Amino acid sequence: MRILSIGLVALLLVAPFAHAADNPDVLRLSQRLQALDADPATASMAAYERLQARQAVQVLGEANSSRRPAALKVAQARVETAEIAAQVAVVQREVDRLDRERSELLVEASRRDAARARQEAERLRIQAQIQAEEAVRLREQADADAAARADAEGALDSVASGQAAKLRAARKRAADLARQEAELMGETPPAPAESGSGKP
């Protein structure tokens, strides 16, 4: 069946040229169909419309003089339809190709945007981690400084208390010496200095 179909198509391709020498319209229309077949862009397009056009051209070549005007109109319309259908198919194929390229570009752009977003998120995460570590370090430093101040203040208080105790002991010894000296001299000993006074 397929071989028969191929033979029929081949016959339709050759048949118009049998009458081309007698009918210039057949030759002209056949050449237009040949141009579609020879063009790589349209060679595989609008196969059904081109088949109809070849059949119409064949009918034109076989028509007698009374039927030739009507057959010519039909053949011209079929050839024009085949040409237009082939060109539309070429344009549609190009549109499809451009749509595919556009989709691929959109996917690639989305992929790049996602990669940039991941990089920015990672940068912000590292920055936040650094800030958190710095805050911990500053807090620890502040705690250490506060502890050092507390130790220093405690040491100062201890030194001040020690100095005060030494001062009180020195005053007491001085008072004792003065009393002993007064007793030896037969004088009334002086009154002891008040321990709570702020004077040395």
N, C-alpha and C. Protein backbone atom coordinates (compact mmCIF):
# COMPACT_ATOMS: atom_id res chain seq x y z
N MET A 1 0.85 -1.22 0.00
CA MET A 1 0.00 0.00 0.00
C MET A 1 0.86 1.24 0.00
N ARG A 2 1.94 1.19 0.81
CA ARG A 2 2.83 2.35 0.88
C ARG A 2 3.55 2.56 -0.44
N ILE A 3 3.97 1.44 -1.06
CA ILE A 3 4.65 1.55 -2.36
C ILE A 3 3.73 2.15 -3.39
N LEU A 4 2.45 1.75 -3.34
CA LEU A 4 1.46 2.30 -4.27
C LEU A 4 1.30 3.79 -4.05
N SER A 5 1.28 4.24 -2.79
CA SER A 5 1.14 5.67 -2.49
C SER A 5 2.33 6.45 -3.00
N ILE A 6 3.54 5.88 -2.81
CA ILE A 6 4.73 6.56 -3.29
C ILE A 6 4.71 6.66 -4.81
N GLY A 7 4.27 5.59 -5.46
CA GLY A 7 4.18 5.61 -6.92
C GLY A 7 3.18 6.64 -7.40
N LEU A 8 2.07 6.77 -6.66
CA LEU A 8 1.06 7.77 -7.03
C LEU A 8 1.60 9.18 -6.92
N VAL A 9 2.34 9.44 -5.82
CA VAL A 9 2.94 10.78 -5.65
C VAL A 9 3.94 11.05 -6.75
N ALA A 10 4.76 10.04 -7.10
CA ALA A 10 5.74 10.24 -8.16
C ALA A 10 5.05 10.51 -9.48
N LEU A 11 3.94 9.80 -9.72
CA LEU A 11 3.18 10.02 -10.95
C LEU A 11 2.62 11.43 -10.99
N LEU A 12 2.13 11.91 -9.84
CA LEU A 12 1.58 13.26 -9.80
C LEU A 12 2.67 14.30 -10.01
N LEU A 13 3.91 13.98 -9.58
CA LEU A 13 5.01 14.92 -9.79
C LEU A 13 5.39 15.00 -11.26
N VAL A 14 5.31 13.88 -11.94
CA VAL A 14 5.78 13.84 -13.33
C VAL A 14 4.67 14.21 -14.30
N ALA A 15 3.43 13.87 -13.94
CA ALA A 15 2.33 14.03 -14.89
C ALA A 15 2.15 15.44 -15.42
N PRO A 16 2.25 16.50 -14.58
CA PRO A 16 2.03 17.85 -15.13
C PRO A 16 2.99 18.20 -16.25
N PHE A 17 4.18 17.66 -16.24
CA PHE A 17 5.17 18.04 -17.26
C PHE A 17 4.87 17.39 -18.61
N ALA A 18 4.00 16.37 -18.61
CA ALA A 18 3.65 15.75 -19.90
C ALA A 18 2.89 16.72 -20.79
N HIS A 19 2.18 17.64 -20.13
CA HIS A 19 1.40 18.62 -20.90
C HIS A 19 1.98 20.02 -20.79
N ALA A 20 3.15 20.16 -20.14
CA ALA A 20 3.70 21.49 -19.91
C ALA A 20 4.07 22.18 -21.21
N ALA A 21 4.55 21.40 -22.17
CA ALA A 21 4.95 22.03 -23.44
C ALA A 21 3.76 22.59 -24.18
N ASP A 22 2.57 21.97 -24.01
CA ASP A 22 1.37 22.45 -24.70
C ASP A 22 0.64 23.54 -23.93
N ASN A 23 0.89 23.65 -22.60
CA ASN A 23 0.15 24.58 -21.77
C ASN A 23 1.14 25.36 -20.89
N PRO A 24 1.41 26.62 -21.21
CA PRO A 24 2.35 27.40 -20.40
C PRO A 24 1.88 27.60 -18.97
N ASP A 25 0.57 27.59 -18.70
CA ASP A 25 0.08 27.73 -17.33
C ASP A 25 0.49 26.52 -16.49
N VAL A 26 0.42 25.34 -17.12
CA VAL A 26 0.84 24.14 -16.42
C VAL A 26 2.33 24.23 -16.07
N LEU A 27 3.13 24.70 -17.02
CA LEU A 27 4.57 24.84 -16.78
C LEU A 27 4.84 25.84 -15.66
N ARG A 28 4.16 26.97 -15.70
CA ARG A 28 4.38 28.02 -14.71
C ARG A 28 4.00 27.54 -13.31
N LEU A 29 2.83 26.91 -13.19
CA LEU A 29 2.38 26.44 -11.88
C LEU A 29 3.25 25.28 -11.39
N SER A 30 3.68 24.42 -12.31
CA SER A 30 4.55 23.31 -11.92
C SER A 30 5.89 23.83 -11.42
N GLN A 31 6.40 24.87 -12.04
CA GLN A 31 7.67 25.45 -11.59
C GLN A 31 7.54 26.05 -10.19
N ARG A 32 6.39 26.62 -9.91
CA ARG A 32 6.18 27.16 -8.55
C ARG A 32 6.16 26.04 -7.51
N LEU A 33 5.55 24.91 -7.88
CA LEU A 33 5.56 23.78 -6.96
C LEU A 33 6.96 23.19 -6.82
N GLN A 34 7.71 23.18 -7.94
CA GLN A 34 9.09 22.71 -7.88
C GLN A 34 9.93 23.59 -6.96
N ALA A 35 9.66 24.90 -6.98
CA ALA A 35 10.40 25.82 -6.11
C ALA A 35 10.15 25.48 -4.64
N LEU A 36 8.91 25.12 -4.31
CA LEU A 36 8.62 24.71 -2.93
C LEU A 36 9.39 23.44 -2.57
N ASP A 37 9.45 22.52 -3.52
CA ASP A 37 10.15 21.26 -3.26
C ASP A 37 11.65 21.46 -3.14
N ALA A 38 12.19 22.42 -3.90
CA ALA A 38 13.64 22.63 -3.92
C ALA A 38 14.14 23.44 -2.74
N ASP A 39 13.25 24.22 -2.12
CA ASP A 39 13.65 25.05 -0.99
C ASP A 39 13.72 24.18 0.27
N PRO A 40 14.91 24.09 0.90
CA PRO A 40 15.01 23.24 2.11
C PRO A 40 14.06 23.68 3.22
N ALA A 41 13.74 24.98 3.25
CA ALA A 41 12.86 25.48 4.32
C ALA A 41 11.44 24.99 4.14
N THR A 42 10.99 24.81 2.89
CA THR A 42 9.59 24.44 2.63
C THR A 42 9.44 23.03 2.07
N ALA A 43 10.53 22.33 1.87
CA ALA A 43 10.45 21.02 1.22
C ALA A 43 9.60 20.03 2.00
N SER A 44 9.62 20.14 3.32
CA SER A 44 8.86 19.18 4.14
C SER A 44 7.58 19.78 4.70
N MET A 45 7.21 20.95 4.20
CA MET A 45 6.03 21.65 4.74
C MET A 45 4.84 21.51 3.80
N ALA A 46 3.66 21.52 4.39
CA ALA A 46 2.38 21.57 3.65
C ALA A 46 2.31 20.46 2.60
N ALA A 47 2.64 19.24 2.99
CA ALA A 47 2.65 18.14 2.03
C ALA A 47 1.26 17.90 1.43
N TYR A 48 0.23 17.98 2.26
CA TYR A 48 -1.13 17.74 1.76
C TYR A 48 -1.55 18.82 0.77
N GLU A 49 -1.29 20.07 1.08
CA GLU A 49 -1.67 21.16 0.18
C GLU A 49 -0.90 21.08 -1.14
N ARG A 50 0.37 20.68 -1.08
CA ARG A 50 1.14 20.55 -2.32
C ARG A 50 0.62 19.40 -3.18
N LEU A 51 0.19 18.33 -2.51
CA LEU A 51 -0.40 17.21 -3.25
C LEU A 51 -1.68 17.65 -3.96
N GLN A 52 -2.50 18.41 -3.26
CA GLN A 52 -3.72 18.91 -3.89
C GLN A 52 -3.39 19.82 -5.07
N ALA A 53 -2.35 20.64 -4.91
CA ALA A 53 -1.96 21.54 -5.99
C ALA A 53 -1.47 20.76 -7.21
N ARG A 54 -0.70 19.71 -6.99
CA ARG A 54 -0.22 18.91 -8.11
C ARG A 54 -1.38 18.24 -8.85
N GLN A 55 -2.34 17.75 -8.06
CA GLN A 55 -3.51 17.14 -8.69
C GLN A 55 -4.27 18.16 -9.53
N ALA A 56 -4.40 19.38 -9.01
CA ALA A 56 -5.11 20.42 -9.75
C ALA A 56 -4.35 20.80 -11.02
N VAL A 57 -3.01 20.85 -10.94
CA VAL A 57 -2.22 21.16 -12.13
C VAL A 57 -2.34 20.04 -13.15
N GLN A 58 -2.40 18.80 -12.65
CA GLN A 58 -2.57 17.67 -13.58
C GLN A 58 -3.92 17.76 -14.28
N VAL A 59 -4.97 18.10 -13.52
CA VAL A 59 -6.30 18.26 -14.13
C VAL A 59 -6.27 19.38 -15.16
N LEU A 60 -5.56 20.46 -14.86
CA LEU A 60 -5.44 21.56 -15.81
C LEU A 60 -4.76 21.09 -17.09
N GLY A 61 -3.71 20.28 -16.94
CA GLY A 61 -3.00 19.81 -18.14
C GLY A 61 -3.84 18.88 -18.98
N GLU A 62 -4.79 18.20 -18.37
CA GLU A 62 -5.62 17.25 -19.10
C GLU A 62 -6.95 17.85 -19.54
N ALA A 63 -7.26 19.07 -19.11
CA ALA A 63 -8.57 19.67 -19.40
C ALA A 63 -8.63 20.09 -20.87
N ASN A 64 -9.83 19.98 -21.43
CA ASN A 64 -10.03 20.48 -22.79
C ASN A 64 -10.22 21.97 -22.75
N SER A 65 -10.34 22.57 -23.88
CA SER A 65 -10.39 24.03 -23.97
C SER A 65 -11.58 24.62 -23.25
N SER A 66 -12.70 23.92 -23.20
CA SER A 66 -13.88 24.49 -22.55
C SER A 66 -13.76 24.45 -21.02
N ARG A 67 -13.05 23.46 -20.50
CA ARG A 67 -12.92 23.33 -19.05
C ARG A 67 -11.63 23.97 -18.54
N ARG A 68 -10.79 24.41 -19.45
CA ARG A 68 -9.48 24.90 -19.03
C ARG A 68 -9.56 26.16 -18.15
N PRO A 69 -10.39 27.18 -18.44
CA PRO A 69 -10.42 28.37 -17.57
C PRO A 69 -10.77 28.02 -16.11
N ALA A 70 -11.77 27.17 -15.91
CA ALA A 70 -12.14 26.80 -14.55
C ALA A 70 -11.03 25.98 -13.89
N ALA A 71 -10.43 25.07 -14.67
CA ALA A 71 -9.34 24.27 -14.11
C ALA A 71 -8.14 25.14 -13.76
N LEU A 72 -7.90 26.19 -14.57
CA LEU A 72 -6.78 27.10 -14.29
C LEU A 72 -7.01 27.84 -12.97
N LYS A 73 -8.24 28.30 -12.74
CA LYS A 73 -8.53 28.99 -11.49
C LYS A 73 -8.31 28.07 -10.30
N VAL A 74 -8.78 26.84 -10.42
CA VAL A 74 -8.61 25.89 -9.32
C VAL A 74 -7.12 25.61 -9.09
N ALA A 75 -6.38 25.39 -10.16
CA ALA A 75 -4.95 25.07 -10.03
C ALA A 75 -4.19 26.24 -9.42
N GLN A 76 -4.50 27.46 -9.89
CA GLN A 76 -3.82 28.63 -9.32
C GLN A 76 -4.13 28.76 -7.82
N ALA A 77 -5.40 28.56 -7.47
CA ALA A 77 -5.77 28.66 -6.05
C ALA A 77 -5.08 27.59 -5.23
N ARG A 78 -4.99 26.35 -5.77
CA ARG A 78 -4.33 25.27 -5.03
C ARG A 78 -2.84 25.55 -4.85
N VAL A 79 -2.19 26.06 -5.90
CA VAL A 79 -0.76 26.35 -5.81
C VAL A 79 -0.51 27.47 -4.80
N GLU A 80 -1.35 28.53 -4.88
CA GLU A 80 -1.19 29.63 -3.93
C GLU A 80 -1.43 29.14 -2.50
N THR A 81 -2.44 28.27 -2.33
CA THR A 81 -2.71 27.72 -1.00
C THR A 81 -1.52 26.91 -0.50
N ALA A 82 -0.91 26.12 -1.39
CA ALA A 82 0.26 25.34 -1.00
C ALA A 82 1.42 26.24 -0.61
N GLU A 83 1.64 27.31 -1.38
CA GLU A 83 2.72 28.24 -1.07
C GLU A 83 2.49 28.92 0.28
N ILE A 84 1.26 29.39 0.48
CA ILE A 84 0.95 30.08 1.73
C ILE A 84 1.06 29.12 2.91
N ALA A 85 0.52 27.91 2.74
CA ALA A 85 0.57 26.92 3.84
C ALA A 85 2.03 26.58 4.19
N ALA A 86 2.88 26.44 3.16
CA ALA A 86 4.29 26.13 3.41
C ALA A 86 4.97 27.28 4.14
N GLN A 87 4.69 28.52 3.71
CA GLN A 87 5.31 29.68 4.36
C GLN A 87 4.81 29.83 5.81
N VAL A 88 3.51 29.60 6.01
CA VAL A 88 2.97 29.67 7.37
C VAL A 88 3.62 28.61 8.24
N ALA A 89 3.82 27.42 7.69
CA ALA A 89 4.45 26.35 8.46
C ALA A 89 5.89 26.72 8.81
N VAL A 90 6.60 27.36 7.85
CA VAL A 90 7.97 27.79 8.14
C VAL A 90 7.98 28.83 9.26
N VAL A 91 7.05 29.79 9.16
CA VAL A 91 6.97 30.83 10.19
C VAL A 91 6.61 30.21 11.54
N GLN A 92 5.66 29.26 11.54
CA GLN A 92 5.26 28.63 12.79
C GLN A 92 6.42 27.84 13.40
N ARG A 93 7.18 27.17 12.53
CA ARG A 93 8.34 26.43 13.04
C ARG A 93 9.35 27.39 13.67
N GLU A 94 9.56 28.56 13.04
CA GLU A 94 10.47 29.54 13.61
C GLU A 94 9.94 30.11 14.93
N VAL A 95 8.61 30.33 14.97
CA VAL A 95 8.00 30.81 16.21
C VAL A 95 8.18 29.78 17.32
N ASP A 96 7.97 28.51 16.97
CA ASP A 96 8.16 27.45 17.98
C ASP A 96 9.61 27.42 18.46
N ARG A 97 10.54 27.57 17.52
CA ARG A 97 11.96 27.56 17.90
C ARG A 97 12.27 28.73 18.84
N LEU A 98 11.75 29.92 18.49
CA LEU A 98 11.97 31.09 19.34
C LEU A 98 11.33 30.92 20.71
N ASP A 99 10.15 30.28 20.73
CA ASP A 99 9.49 30.02 22.03
C ASP A 99 10.34 29.08 22.88
N ARG A 100 10.91 28.06 22.23
CA ARG A 100 11.76 27.14 22.99
C ARG A 100 13.00 27.86 23.53
N GLU A 101 13.60 28.70 22.68
CA GLU A 101 14.77 29.45 23.12
C GLU A 101 14.40 30.39 24.27
N ARG A 102 13.24 31.03 24.14
CA ARG A 102 12.80 31.93 25.21
C ARG A 102 12.59 31.17 26.51
N SER A 103 11.95 29.99 26.41
CA SER A 103 11.74 29.19 27.62
C SER A 103 13.07 28.77 28.24
N GLU A 104 14.02 28.39 27.37
CA GLU A 104 15.34 28.00 27.88
C GLU A 104 16.03 29.17 28.55
N LEU A 105 15.91 30.36 27.94
CA LEU A 105 16.52 31.55 28.53
C LEU A 105 15.88 31.90 29.86
N LEU A 106 14.54 31.75 29.93
CA LEU A 106 13.85 32.03 31.20
C LEU A 106 14.28 31.06 32.28
N VAL A 107 14.41 29.79 31.90
CA VAL A 107 14.85 28.79 32.87
C VAL A 107 16.27 29.10 33.34
N GLU A 108 17.14 29.46 32.39
CA GLU A 108 18.52 29.79 32.75
C GLU A 108 18.57 31.03 33.64
N ALA A 109 17.75 32.05 33.29
CA ALA A 109 17.71 33.26 34.12
C ALA A 109 17.20 32.94 35.52
N SER A 110 16.17 32.09 35.61
CA SER A 110 15.66 31.69 36.93
C SER A 110 16.73 30.94 37.71
N ARG A 111 17.48 30.09 37.00
CA ARG A 111 18.54 29.34 37.68
C ARG A 111 19.62 30.29 38.22
N ARG A 112 19.99 31.29 37.39
CA ARG A 112 20.99 32.25 37.84
C ARG A 112 20.47 33.08 39.01
N ASP A 113 19.18 33.49 38.94
CA ASP A 113 18.59 34.25 40.05
C ASP A 113 18.59 33.43 41.33
N ALA A 114 18.25 32.15 41.21
CA ALA A 114 18.23 31.28 42.39
C ALA A 114 19.64 31.14 42.97
N ALA A 115 20.63 31.02 42.07
CA ALA A 115 22.02 30.89 42.55
C ALA A 115 22.45 32.17 43.26
N ARG A 116 22.09 33.33 42.68
CA ARG A 116 22.44 34.60 43.33
C ARG A 116 21.73 34.73 44.68
N ALA A 117 20.47 34.30 44.74
CA ALA A 117 19.73 34.38 46.01
C ALA A 117 20.37 33.48 47.06
N ARG A 118 20.81 32.28 46.65
CA ARG A 118 21.48 31.39 47.61
C ARG A 118 22.79 32.00 48.09
N GLN A 119 23.55 32.61 47.18
CA GLN A 119 24.80 33.24 47.57
C GLN A 119 24.56 34.40 48.54
N GLU A 120 23.52 35.20 48.26
CA GLU A 120 23.21 36.33 49.15
C GLU A 120 22.76 35.83 50.51
N ALA A 121 21.94 34.76 50.53
CA ALA A 121 21.50 34.20 51.81
C ALA A 121 22.68 33.67 52.60
N GLU A 122 23.62 33.02 51.91
CA GLU A 122 24.79 32.51 52.61
C GLU A 122 25.65 33.65 53.15
N ARG A 123 25.78 34.72 52.36
CA ARG A 123 26.55 35.89 52.83
C ARG A 123 25.91 36.50 54.06
N LEU A 124 24.58 36.66 54.04
CA LEU A 124 23.89 37.23 55.19
C LEU A 124 23.99 36.31 56.41
N ARG A 125 23.95 34.98 56.17
CA ARG A 125 24.07 34.04 57.29
C ARG A 125 25.44 34.16 57.95
N ILE A 126 26.48 34.24 57.12
CA ILE A 126 27.84 34.37 57.66
C ILE A 126 27.99 35.69 58.39
N GLN A 127 27.42 36.76 57.81
CA GLN A 127 27.50 38.08 58.46
C GLN A 127 26.79 38.06 59.81
N ALA A 128 25.60 37.43 59.86
CA ALA A 128 24.87 37.35 61.13
C ALA A 128 25.63 36.51 62.14
N GLN A 129 26.27 35.43 61.68
CA GLN A 129 27.06 34.60 62.59
C GLN A 129 28.24 35.39 63.16
N ILE A 130 28.90 36.16 62.30
CA ILE A 130 30.03 36.98 62.77
C ILE A 130 29.56 38.01 63.79
N GLN A 131 28.42 38.65 63.51
CA GLN A 131 27.89 39.64 64.45
C GLN A 131 27.52 38.99 65.77
N ALA A 132 26.91 37.78 65.71
CA ALA A 132 26.55 37.10 66.95
C ALA A 132 27.80 36.73 67.76
N GLU A 133 28.84 36.25 67.07
CA GLU A 133 30.08 35.91 67.77
C GLU A 133 30.72 37.15 68.37
N GLU A 134 30.65 38.27 67.64
CA GLU A 134 31.21 39.52 68.17
C GLU A 134 30.43 40.00 69.39
N ALA A 135 29.10 39.85 69.35
CA ALA A 135 28.28 40.24 70.50
C ALA A 135 28.63 39.39 71.72
N VAL A 136 28.82 38.08 71.50
CA VAL A 136 29.21 37.20 72.62
C VAL A 136 30.56 37.62 73.18
N ARG A 137 31.50 37.92 72.27
CA ARG A 137 32.83 38.33 72.73
C ARG A 137 32.76 39.63 73.54
N LEU A 138 31.98 40.60 73.05
CA LEU A 138 31.85 41.87 73.77
C LEU A 138 31.18 41.67 75.13
N ARG A 139 30.19 40.77 75.17
CA ARG A 139 29.52 40.51 76.44
C ARG A 139 30.48 39.85 77.43
N GLU A 140 31.24 38.89 76.94
CA GLU A 140 32.23 38.26 77.81
C GLU A 140 33.28 39.26 78.28
N GLN A 141 33.69 40.15 77.36
CA GLN A 141 34.67 41.17 77.74
C GLN A 141 34.09 42.11 78.79
N ALA A 142 32.83 42.48 78.61
CA ALA A 142 32.18 43.37 79.57
C ALA A 142 32.07 42.67 80.94
N ASP A 143 31.72 41.37 80.93
CA ASP A 143 31.65 40.63 82.19
C ASP A 143 33.01 40.57 82.87
N ALA A 144 34.06 40.32 82.03
CA ALA A 144 35.41 40.25 82.59
C ALA A 144 35.83 41.60 83.17
N ASP A 145 35.49 42.69 82.45
CA ASP A 145 35.83 44.03 82.95
C ASP A 145 35.10 44.32 84.25
N ALA A 146 33.82 43.93 84.32
CA ALA A 146 33.05 44.17 85.54
C ALA A 146 33.65 43.39 86.71
N ALA A 147 34.04 42.12 86.43
CA ALA A 147 34.65 41.32 87.49
C ALA A 147 35.97 41.92 87.94
N ALA A 148 36.76 42.43 87.00
CA ALA A 148 38.03 43.06 87.34
C ALA A 148 37.81 44.30 88.19
N ARG A 149 36.81 45.08 87.81
CA ARG A 149 36.51 46.28 88.60
C ARG A 149 36.08 45.91 90.01
N ALA A 150 35.24 44.87 90.09
CA ALA A 150 34.79 44.44 91.42
C ALA A 150 35.97 43.96 92.26
N ASP A 151 36.90 43.22 91.63
CA ASP A 151 38.09 42.77 92.36
C ASP A 151 38.93 43.95 92.81
N ALA A 152 39.09 44.93 91.92
CA ALA A 152 39.90 46.11 92.26
C ALA A 152 39.25 46.89 93.41
N GLU A 153 37.92 47.06 93.31
CA GLU A 153 37.23 47.79 94.37
C GLU A 153 37.34 47.04 95.70
N GLY A 154 37.23 45.70 95.63
CA GLY A 154 37.37 44.91 96.85
C GLY A 154 38.77 45.03 97.43
N ALA A 155 39.77 45.04 96.53
CA ALA A 155 41.15 45.19 97.01
C ALA A 155 41.35 46.56 97.65
N LEU A 156 40.79 47.60 97.02
CA LEU A 156 40.91 48.94 97.58
C LEU A 156 40.23 49.03 98.94
N ASP A 157 39.02 48.42 99.03
CA ASP A 157 38.33 48.42 100.33
C ASP A 157 39.16 47.70 101.39
N SER A 158 39.78 46.58 100.97
CA SER A 158 40.59 45.81 101.92
C SER A 158 41.80 46.62 102.38
N VAL A 159 42.45 47.30 101.41
CA VAL A 159 43.60 48.13 101.77
C VAL A 159 43.19 49.26 102.68
N ALA A 160 42.04 49.91 102.34
CA ALA A 160 41.57 51.03 103.17
C ALA A 160 41.24 50.55 104.59
N SER A 161 40.61 49.36 104.67
CA SER A 161 40.28 48.84 106.01
C SER A 161 41.55 48.53 106.80
N GLY A 162 42.53 47.96 106.08
CA GLY A 162 43.79 47.67 106.76
C GLY A 162 44.49 48.92 107.25
N GLN A 163 44.50 49.94 106.38
CA GLN A 163 45.13 51.21 106.77
C GLN A 163 44.40 51.82 107.97
N ALA A 164 43.07 51.74 107.95
CA ALA A 164 42.30 52.31 109.06
C ALA A 164 42.61 51.56 110.36
N ALA A 165 42.72 50.23 110.23
CA ALA A 165 43.04 49.45 111.45
C ALA A 165 44.42 49.82 111.98
N LYS A 166 45.37 49.95 111.03
CA LYS A 166 46.72 50.34 111.46
C LYS A 166 46.71 51.73 112.12
N LEU A 167 45.91 52.63 111.54
CA LEU A 167 45.84 53.98 112.10
C LEU A 167 45.25 53.94 113.50
N ARG A 168 44.19 53.13 113.68
CA ARG A 168 43.59 53.05 115.02
C ARG A 168 44.59 52.44 116.01
N ALA A 169 45.33 51.44 115.56
CA ALA A 169 46.31 50.83 116.47
C ALA A 169 47.42 51.81 116.83
N ALA A 170 47.85 52.59 115.84
CA ALA A 170 48.90 53.59 116.11
C ALA A 170 48.40 54.64 117.09
N ARG A 171 47.15 55.08 116.92
CA ARG A 171 46.58 56.07 117.85
C ARG A 171 46.49 55.49 119.27
N LYS A 172 46.08 54.21 119.30
CA LYS A 172 45.95 53.60 120.62
C LYS A 172 47.32 53.52 121.31
N ARG A 173 48.34 53.10 120.50
CA ARG A 173 49.68 53.03 121.09
C ARG A 173 50.17 54.42 121.55
N ALA A 174 49.88 55.42 120.72
CA ALA A 174 50.29 56.79 121.09
C ALA A 174 49.60 57.23 122.38
N ALA A 175 48.31 56.89 122.49
CA ALA A 175 47.56 57.27 123.70
C ALA A 175 48.12 56.55 124.92
N ASP A 176 48.42 55.25 124.71
CA ASP A 176 48.97 54.49 125.83
C ASP A 176 50.32 55.07 126.27
N LEU A 177 51.16 55.39 125.28
CA LEU A 177 52.47 55.98 125.62
C LEU A 177 52.31 57.32 126.35
N ALA A 178 51.36 58.11 125.86
CA ALA A 178 51.15 59.42 126.51
C ALA A 178 50.64 59.24 127.94
N ARG A 179 49.80 58.25 128.18
CA ARG A 179 49.28 58.01 129.53
C ARG A 179 50.39 57.52 130.44
N GLN A 180 51.19 56.58 129.85
CA GLN A 180 52.29 56.08 130.67
C GLN A 180 53.27 57.20 131.02
N GLU A 181 53.52 58.06 130.02
CA GLU A 181 54.45 59.18 130.27
C GLU A 181 53.87 60.13 131.31
N ALA A 182 52.60 60.38 131.30
CA ALA A 182 51.96 61.27 132.26
C ALA A 182 51.99 60.68 133.66
N GLU A 183 51.78 59.37 133.70
CA GLU A 183 51.83 58.72 135.00
C GLU A 183 53.23 58.82 135.61
N LEU A 184 54.21 58.63 134.72
CA LEU A 184 55.57 58.75 135.21
C LEU A 184 55.89 60.17 135.67
N MET A 185 55.32 61.14 134.98
CA MET A 185 55.60 62.54 135.31
C MET A 185 54.65 63.03 136.40
N GLY A 186 53.71 62.21 136.82
CA GLY A 186 52.75 62.61 137.83
C GLY A 186 51.69 63.55 137.30
N GLU A 187 51.46 63.49 136.03
CA GLU A 187 50.45 64.38 135.43
C GLU A 187 49.21 63.56 135.09
N THR A 188 48.15 64.31 134.90
CA THR A 188 46.89 63.66 134.50
C THR A 188 46.99 63.25 133.03
N PRO A 189 46.74 61.98 132.75
CA PRO A 189 46.85 61.54 131.34
C PRO A 189 45.79 62.20 130.47
N PRO A 190 46.16 62.48 129.25
CA PRO A 190 45.15 63.09 128.34
C PRO A 190 44.05 62.10 128.00
N ALA A 191 42.91 62.67 127.64
CA ALA A 191 41.77 61.82 127.27
C ALA A 191 42.07 61.11 125.95
N PRO A 192 41.72 59.83 125.88
CA PRO A 192 41.99 59.12 124.61
C PRO A 192 41.18 59.69 123.46
N ALA A 193 41.81 59.70 122.27
CA ALA A 193 41.10 60.23 121.07
C ALA A 193 39.96 59.31 120.70
N GLU A 194 38.87 59.91 120.22
CA GLU A 194 37.72 59.12 119.81
C GLU A 194 38.06 58.33 118.53
N SER A 195 37.75 57.04 118.58
CA SER A 195 38.11 56.18 117.44
C SER A 195 37.27 56.46 116.23
N GLY A 196 36.13 57.09 116.47
CA GLY A 196 35.24 57.30 115.30
C GLY A 196 35.52 58.57 114.56
N SER A 197 36.47 59.42 115.04
CA SER A 197 36.71 60.71 114.36
C SER A 197 37.43 60.45 113.05
N GLY A 198 37.24 61.35 112.13
CA GLY A 198 37.89 61.20 110.83
C GLY A 198 39.25 61.81 110.79
N LYS A 199 39.80 62.38 111.95
CA LYS A 199 41.11 63.01 111.94
C LYS A 199 42.15 62.00 112.36
N PRO A 200 43.39 62.06 111.83
CA PRO A 200 44.44 61.14 112.22
C PRO A 200 44.97 61.47 113.60
